[in-house]
Amino acid sequence: MDKNTNNINKDIKKHLIISIIISVLFVVGIPILIVGATNSNYAVMGIGIAMVVIGFYGAPMMWVSYGNKRSLKNVVDSVMEDHLTTVGEIASQLQMRERPVRDLITTGLRKKYITGYIFSGSTLTPNQKEAPKKKISSNRCPNCGGALTEQANGYTCEYCGSHFKKE
C-alpha cells in the first residue's frame, strides 16, 4: 500500500470516527436532556441540549463529508490502481457523471492523493518531466555537506554515497 492510499484511508477513517461520535452524541443527549428536565438540574439539561443540537446538525454534515471522501477514494483508486486516465472512463467505471469525477480528480491532485499525472481537464497523462537536478556549486554534497569525489560521469559523496551528474 503506497503513501497516497494510506493518506486517504486515514482521512476516511477520521471522518468515519467523527461521524459515529457525533451520531452517538445525538442519541445519548436525548435521555440526558430528559433526566435533567425532570430533576430540574439545569446543568445536566444544558449538556443534553448541547449534545442533541451538535448531533442533530453535525451528524448529517459529517456523514455527507464521509460519503464525499469515499467517492474521492474510488476515483483515486481508479486512477492509481486501475490506471484509468480519462474522465469518461472513470465516470463509466464508477457510474458517476463526468462533472463530479472531474472535480474529484482535481481534489485528488490538489491533496496529493493522485501523483505522477498531469490533468488537462479531461485526460490524465503521466508526468514525464524529470525532477530538477541539484546544482553542485562547490565540492560539497548538497544533501549532507560531505566532500565530493569527481568521477567520469559525475560526482559521488564520500559520506552519504549520493551520485550527481555533471551539468
C-alpha atoms as a PDB file:
ATOM      1  CA  MET A   1       0.000   0.000   0.000  1.00  0.00           C
ATOM      2  CA  ASP A   2       1.544   3.295  -1.056  1.00  0.00           C
ATOM      3  CA  LYS A   3       1.708   6.575   0.858  1.00  0.00           C
ATOM      4  CA  ASN A   4      -1.168   8.183  -1.085  1.00  0.00           C
ATOM      5  CA  THR A   5      -3.532   5.314  -0.257  1.00  0.00           C
ATOM      6  CA  ASN A   6      -2.509   5.492   3.394  1.00  0.00           C
ATOM      7  CA  ASN A   7      -3.237   9.245   3.494  1.00  0.00           C
ATOM      8  CA  ILE A   8      -6.715   8.942   2.016  1.00  0.00           C
ATOM      9  CA  ASN A   9      -7.510   5.912   4.194  1.00  0.00           C
ATOM     10  CA  LYS A  10      -6.514   7.905   7.295  1.00  0.00           C
ATOM     11  CA  ASP A  11      -8.792  10.772   6.246  1.00  0.00           C
ATOM     12  CA  ILE A  12     -11.694   8.379   5.618  1.00  0.00           C
ATOM     13  CA  LYS A  13     -11.178   6.659   8.972  1.00  0.00           C
ATOM     14  CA  LYS A  14     -11.050  10.030  10.755  1.00  0.00           C
ATOM     15  CA  HIS A  15     -14.315  11.152   9.117  1.00  0.00           C
ATOM     16  CA  LEU A  16     -15.995   7.841   9.981  1.00  0.00           C
ATOM     17  CA  ILE A  17     -14.992   8.036  13.648  1.00  0.00           C
ATOM     18  CA  ILE A  18     -16.134  11.651  13.975  1.00  0.00           C
ATOM     19  CA  SER A  19     -19.433  10.822  12.229  1.00  0.00           C
ATOM     20  CA  ILE A  20     -20.109   7.941  14.622  1.00  0.00           C
ATOM     21  CA  ILE A  21     -19.222  10.005  17.696  1.00  0.00           C
ATOM     22  CA  ILE A  22     -21.489  12.886  16.668  1.00  0.00           C
ATOM     23  CA  SER A  23     -24.328  10.449  15.906  1.00  0.00           C
ATOM     24  CA  VAL A  24     -23.925   8.888  19.344  1.00  0.00           C
ATOM     25  CA  LEU A  25     -23.997  12.381  20.927  1.00  0.00           C
ATOM     26  CA  PHE A  26     -27.471  12.888  19.466  1.00  0.00           C
ATOM     27  CA  VAL A  27     -28.795   9.554  20.755  1.00  0.00           C
ATOM     28  CA  VAL A  28     -27.254   9.917  24.227  1.00  0.00           C
ATOM     29  CA  GLY A  29     -28.182  13.591  24.513  1.00  0.00           C
ATOM     30  CA  ILE A  30     -31.938  12.951  24.417  1.00  0.00           C
ATOM     31  CA  PRO A  31     -32.128  10.889  27.667  1.00  0.00           C
ATOM     32  CA  ILE A  32     -29.662  13.275  29.353  1.00  0.00           C
ATOM     33  CA  LEU A  33     -31.919  16.175  28.391  1.00  0.00           C
ATOM     34  CA  ILE A  34     -34.992  14.364  29.775  1.00  0.00           C
ATOM     35  CA  VAL A  35     -33.243  13.426  33.048  1.00  0.00           C
ATOM     36  CA  GLY A  36     -32.031  16.994  33.505  1.00  0.00           C
ATOM     37  CA  ALA A  37     -35.505  18.423  32.836  1.00  0.00           C
ATOM     38  CA  THR A  38     -37.325  16.026  35.189  1.00  0.00           C
ATOM     39  CA  ASN A  39     -34.872  16.640  38.031  1.00  0.00           C
ATOM     40  CA  SER A  40     -34.714  20.394  37.432  1.00  0.00           C
ATOM     41  CA  ASN A  41     -30.964  20.074  37.012  1.00  0.00           C
ATOM     42  CA  TYR A  42     -30.273  22.833  34.514  1.00  0.00           C
ATOM     43  CA  ALA A  43     -26.594  21.980  34.096  1.00  0.00           C
ATOM     44  CA  VAL A  44     -27.398  18.408  33.021  1.00  0.00           C
ATOM     45  CA  MET A  45     -30.264  19.679  30.874  1.00  0.00           C
ATOM     46  CA  GLY A  46     -27.886  22.181  29.189  1.00  0.00           C
ATOM     47  CA  ILE A  47     -25.382  19.406  28.454  1.00  0.00           C
ATOM     48  CA  GLY A  48     -28.188  17.307  26.990  1.00  0.00           C
ATOM     49  CA  ILE A  49     -29.374  20.208  24.832  1.00  0.00           C
ATOM     50  CA  ALA A  50     -25.838  20.821  23.579  1.00  0.00           C
ATOM     51  CA  MET A  51     -25.386  17.131  22.709  1.00  0.00           C
ATOM     52  CA  VAL A  52     -28.717  16.988  20.864  1.00  0.00           C
ATOM     53  CA  VAL A  53     -28.006  20.165  18.894  1.00  0.00           C
ATOM     54  CA  ILE A  54     -24.486  19.053  17.930  1.00  0.00           C
ATOM     55  CA  GLY A  55     -25.778  15.624  16.949  1.00  0.00           C
ATOM     56  CA  PHE A  56     -28.827  16.927  15.104  1.00  0.00           C
ATOM     57  CA  TYR A  57     -26.932  19.407  12.952  1.00  0.00           C
ATOM     58  CA  GLY A  58     -23.435  17.908  12.926  1.00  0.00           C
ATOM     59  CA  ALA A  59     -24.203  14.248  12.169  1.00  0.00           C
ATOM     60  CA  PRO A  60     -25.724  14.800   8.706  1.00  0.00           C
ATOM     61  CA  MET A  61     -22.891  17.129   7.714  1.00  0.00           C
ATOM     62  CA  MET A  62     -20.233  14.661   8.856  1.00  0.00           C
ATOM     63  CA  TRP A  63     -21.914  11.690   7.145  1.00  0.00           C
ATOM     64  CA  VAL A  64     -22.095  13.656   3.869  1.00  0.00           C
ATOM     65  CA  SER A  65     -18.411  14.559   4.280  1.00  0.00           C
ATOM     66  CA  TYR A  66     -17.596  10.893   4.887  1.00  0.00           C
ATOM     67  CA  GLY A  67     -19.503   9.903   1.725  1.00  0.00           C
ATOM     68  CA  ASN A  68     -17.611  12.515  -0.293  1.00  0.00           C
ATOM     69  CA  LYS A  69     -14.288  11.121   0.969  1.00  0.00           C
ATOM     70  CA  ARG A  70     -15.376   7.613  -0.087  1.00  0.00           C
ATOM     71  CA  SER A  71     -16.221   8.907  -3.578  1.00  0.00           C
ATOM     72  CA  LEU A  72     -12.816  10.604  -3.744  1.00  0.00           C
ATOM     73  CA  LYS A  73     -11.120   7.342  -2.755  1.00  0.00           C
ATOM     74  CA  ASN A  74     -12.984   5.489  -5.524  1.00  0.00           C
ATOM     75  CA  VAL A  75     -11.734   7.996  -8.107  1.00  0.00           C
ATOM     76  CA  VAL A  76      -8.176   7.872  -6.720  1.00  0.00           C
ATOM     77  CA  ASP A  77      -8.223   4.060  -6.833  1.00  0.00           C
ATOM     78  CA  SER A  78      -9.494   4.151 -10.435  1.00  0.00           C
ATOM     79  CA  VAL A  79      -6.508   6.301 -11.416  1.00  0.00           C
ATOM     80  CA  MET A  80      -3.731   4.865  -9.251  1.00  0.00           C
ATOM     81  CA  GLU A  81      -4.688   1.157  -9.229  1.00  0.00           C
ATOM     82  CA  ASP A  82      -6.871   0.597 -12.306  1.00  0.00           C
ATOM     83  CA  HIS A  83      -4.821   3.052 -14.432  1.00  0.00           C
ATOM     84  CA  LEU A  84      -7.861   4.741 -15.952  1.00  0.00           C
ATOM     85  CA  THR A  85      -6.825   8.095 -17.406  1.00  0.00           C
ATOM     86  CA  THR A  86      -9.848   9.811 -18.919  1.00  0.00           C
ATOM     87  CA  VAL A  87     -12.781  11.403 -17.136  1.00  0.00           C
ATOM     88  CA  GLY A  88     -15.151   9.379 -19.334  1.00  0.00           C
ATOM     89  CA  GLU A  89     -13.528   6.046 -18.417  1.00  0.00           C
ATOM     90  CA  ILE A  90     -13.562   6.822 -14.713  1.00  0.00           C
ATOM     91  CA  ALA A  91     -17.161   8.092 -14.811  1.00  0.00           C
ATOM     92  CA  SER A  92     -18.246   4.962 -16.680  1.00  0.00           C
ATOM     93  CA  GLN A  93     -16.390   2.667 -14.285  1.00  0.00           C
ATOM     94  CA  LEU A  94     -17.862   4.317 -11.181  1.00  0.00           C
ATOM     95  CA  GLN A  95     -21.280   5.043 -12.729  1.00  0.00           C
ATOM     96  CA  MET A  96     -20.963   8.744 -11.983  1.00  0.00           C
ATOM     97  CA  ARG A  97     -21.433  11.870 -14.048  1.00  0.00           C
ATOM     98  CA  GLU A  98     -18.335  13.401 -15.614  1.00  0.00           C
ATOM     99  CA  ARG A  99     -18.519  16.786 -13.814  1.00  0.00           C
ATOM    100  CA  PRO A 100     -18.195  15.316 -10.260  1.00  0.00           C
ATOM    101  CA  VAL A 101     -15.433  12.971 -11.473  1.00  0.00           C
ATOM    102  CA  ARG A 102     -13.535  15.947 -12.915  1.00  0.00           C
ATOM    103  CA  ASP A 103     -13.894  17.796  -9.595  1.00  0.00           C
ATOM    104  CA  LEU A 104     -12.771  14.747  -7.607  1.00  0.00           C
ATOM    105  CA  ILE A 105      -9.697  14.297  -9.830  1.00  0.00           C
ATOM    106  CA  THR A 106      -8.797  17.950  -9.235  1.00  0.00           C
ATOM    107  CA  THR A 107      -9.252  17.474  -5.475  1.00  0.00           C
ATOM    108  CA  GLY A 108      -7.176  14.280  -5.536  1.00  0.00           C
ATOM    109  CA  LEU A 109      -4.350  16.065  -7.337  1.00  0.00           C
ATOM    110  CA  ARG A 110      -4.515  19.082  -5.020  1.00  0.00           C
ATOM    111  CA  LYS A 111      -4.384  16.902  -1.887  1.00  0.00           C
ATOM    112  CA  LYS A 112      -1.590  14.761  -3.399  1.00  0.00           C
ATOM    113  CA  TYR A 113      -3.682  11.564  -3.356  1.00  0.00           C
ATOM    114  CA  ILE A 114      -3.058  11.309  -7.119  1.00  0.00           C
ATOM    115  CA  THR A 115       0.594  11.780  -8.045  1.00  0.00           C
ATOM    116  CA  GLY A 116       2.649  11.341 -11.192  1.00  0.00           C
ATOM    117  CA  TYR A 117      -0.029  12.683 -13.548  1.00  0.00           C
ATOM    118  CA  ILE A 118      -0.854  15.962 -15.271  1.00  0.00           C
ATOM    119  CA  PHE A 119      -4.576  16.720 -15.699  1.00  0.00           C
ATOM    120  CA  SER A 120      -5.741  18.583 -18.807  1.00  0.00           C
ATOM    121  CA  GLY A 121      -9.385  18.816 -17.735  1.00  0.00           C
ATOM    122  CA  SER A 122     -10.438  15.632 -19.489  1.00  0.00           C
ATOM    123  CA  THR A 123      -7.376  13.359 -19.523  1.00  0.00           C
ATOM    124  CA  LEU A 124      -4.644  12.415 -17.089  1.00  0.00           C
ATOM    125  CA  THR A 125      -1.244  11.949 -18.700  1.00  0.00           C
ATOM    126  CA  PRO A 126       1.824  10.558 -16.950  1.00  0.00           C
ATOM    127  CA  ASN A 127       4.235  13.272 -15.885  1.00  0.00           C
ATOM    128  CA  GLN A 128       7.373  12.634 -17.949  1.00  0.00           C
ATOM    129  CA  LYS A 129       9.306  15.563 -16.550  1.00  0.00           C
ATOM    130  CA  GLU A 130      12.451  14.782 -14.634  1.00  0.00           C
ATOM    131  CA  ALA A 131      12.913  16.118 -11.132  1.00  0.00           C
ATOM    132  CA  PRO A 132      15.164  19.187 -11.060  1.00  0.00           C
ATOM    133  CA  LYS A 133      18.809  18.341 -10.537  1.00  0.00           C
ATOM    134  CA  LYS A 134      20.607  19.783  -7.566  1.00  0.00           C
ATOM    135  CA  LYS A 135      23.292  22.150  -8.660  1.00  0.00           C
ATOM    136  CA  ILE A 136      26.796  21.490  -7.426  1.00  0.00           C
ATOM    137  CA  SER A 137      28.256  24.895  -6.606  1.00  0.00           C
ATOM    138  CA  SER A 138      31.207  23.744  -4.505  1.00  0.00           C
ATOM    139  CA  ASN A 139      32.765  20.390  -3.978  1.00  0.00           C
ATOM    140  CA  ARG A 140      30.351  19.742  -1.066  1.00  0.00           C
ATOM    141  CA  CYS A 141      27.352  17.400  -1.181  1.00  0.00           C
ATOM    142  CA  PRO A 142      24.043  19.337  -1.273  1.00  0.00           C
ATOM    143  CA  ASN A 143      22.415  16.536   0.780  1.00  0.00           C
ATOM    144  CA  CYS A 144      24.815  16.114   3.696  1.00  0.00           C
ATOM    145  CA  GLY A 145      27.716  18.553   3.229  1.00  0.00           C
ATOM    146  CA  GLY A 146      30.309  15.795   2.763  1.00  0.00           C
ATOM    147  CA  ALA A 147      33.226  16.016   0.335  1.00  0.00           C
ATOM    148  CA  LEU A 148      32.504  15.122  -3.294  1.00  0.00           C
ATOM    149  CA  THR A 149      34.790  12.992  -5.407  1.00  0.00           C
ATOM    150  CA  GLU A 150      34.819  13.745  -9.131  1.00  0.00           C
ATOM    151  CA  GLN A 151      34.316  10.755 -11.413  1.00  0.00           C
ATOM    152  CA  ALA A 152      33.944  10.320 -15.183  1.00  0.00           C
ATOM    153  CA  ASN A 153      30.127  10.538 -15.153  1.00  0.00           C
ATOM    154  CA  GLY A 154      29.683  12.993 -12.286  1.00  0.00           C
ATOM    155  CA  TYR A 155      30.356  13.353  -8.581  1.00  0.00           C
ATOM    156  CA  THR A 156      29.978  10.931  -5.650  1.00  0.00           C
ATOM    157  CA  CYS A 157      29.681  11.903  -1.995  1.00  0.00           C
ATOM    158  CA  GLU A 158      32.230  10.086   0.129  1.00  0.00           C
ATOM    159  CA  TYR A 159      29.958  10.329   3.180  1.00  0.00           C
ATOM    160  CA  CYS A 160      26.358   9.520   2.109  1.00  0.00           C
ATOM    161  CA  GLY A 161      27.070   7.890  -1.278  1.00  0.00           C
ATOM    162  CA  SER A 162      24.832  10.240  -3.309  1.00  0.00           C
ATOM    163  CA  HIS A 163      25.584  10.480  -7.018  1.00  0.00           C
ATOM    164  CA  PHE A 164      25.320  13.693  -9.062  1.00  0.00           C
ATOM    165  CA  LYS A 165      25.616  14.083 -12.834  1.00  0.00           C
ATOM    166  CA  LYS A 166      27.838  16.687 -14.408  1.00  0.00           C
ATOM    167  CA  GLU A 167      25.968  19.576 -15.974  1.00  0.00           C
END
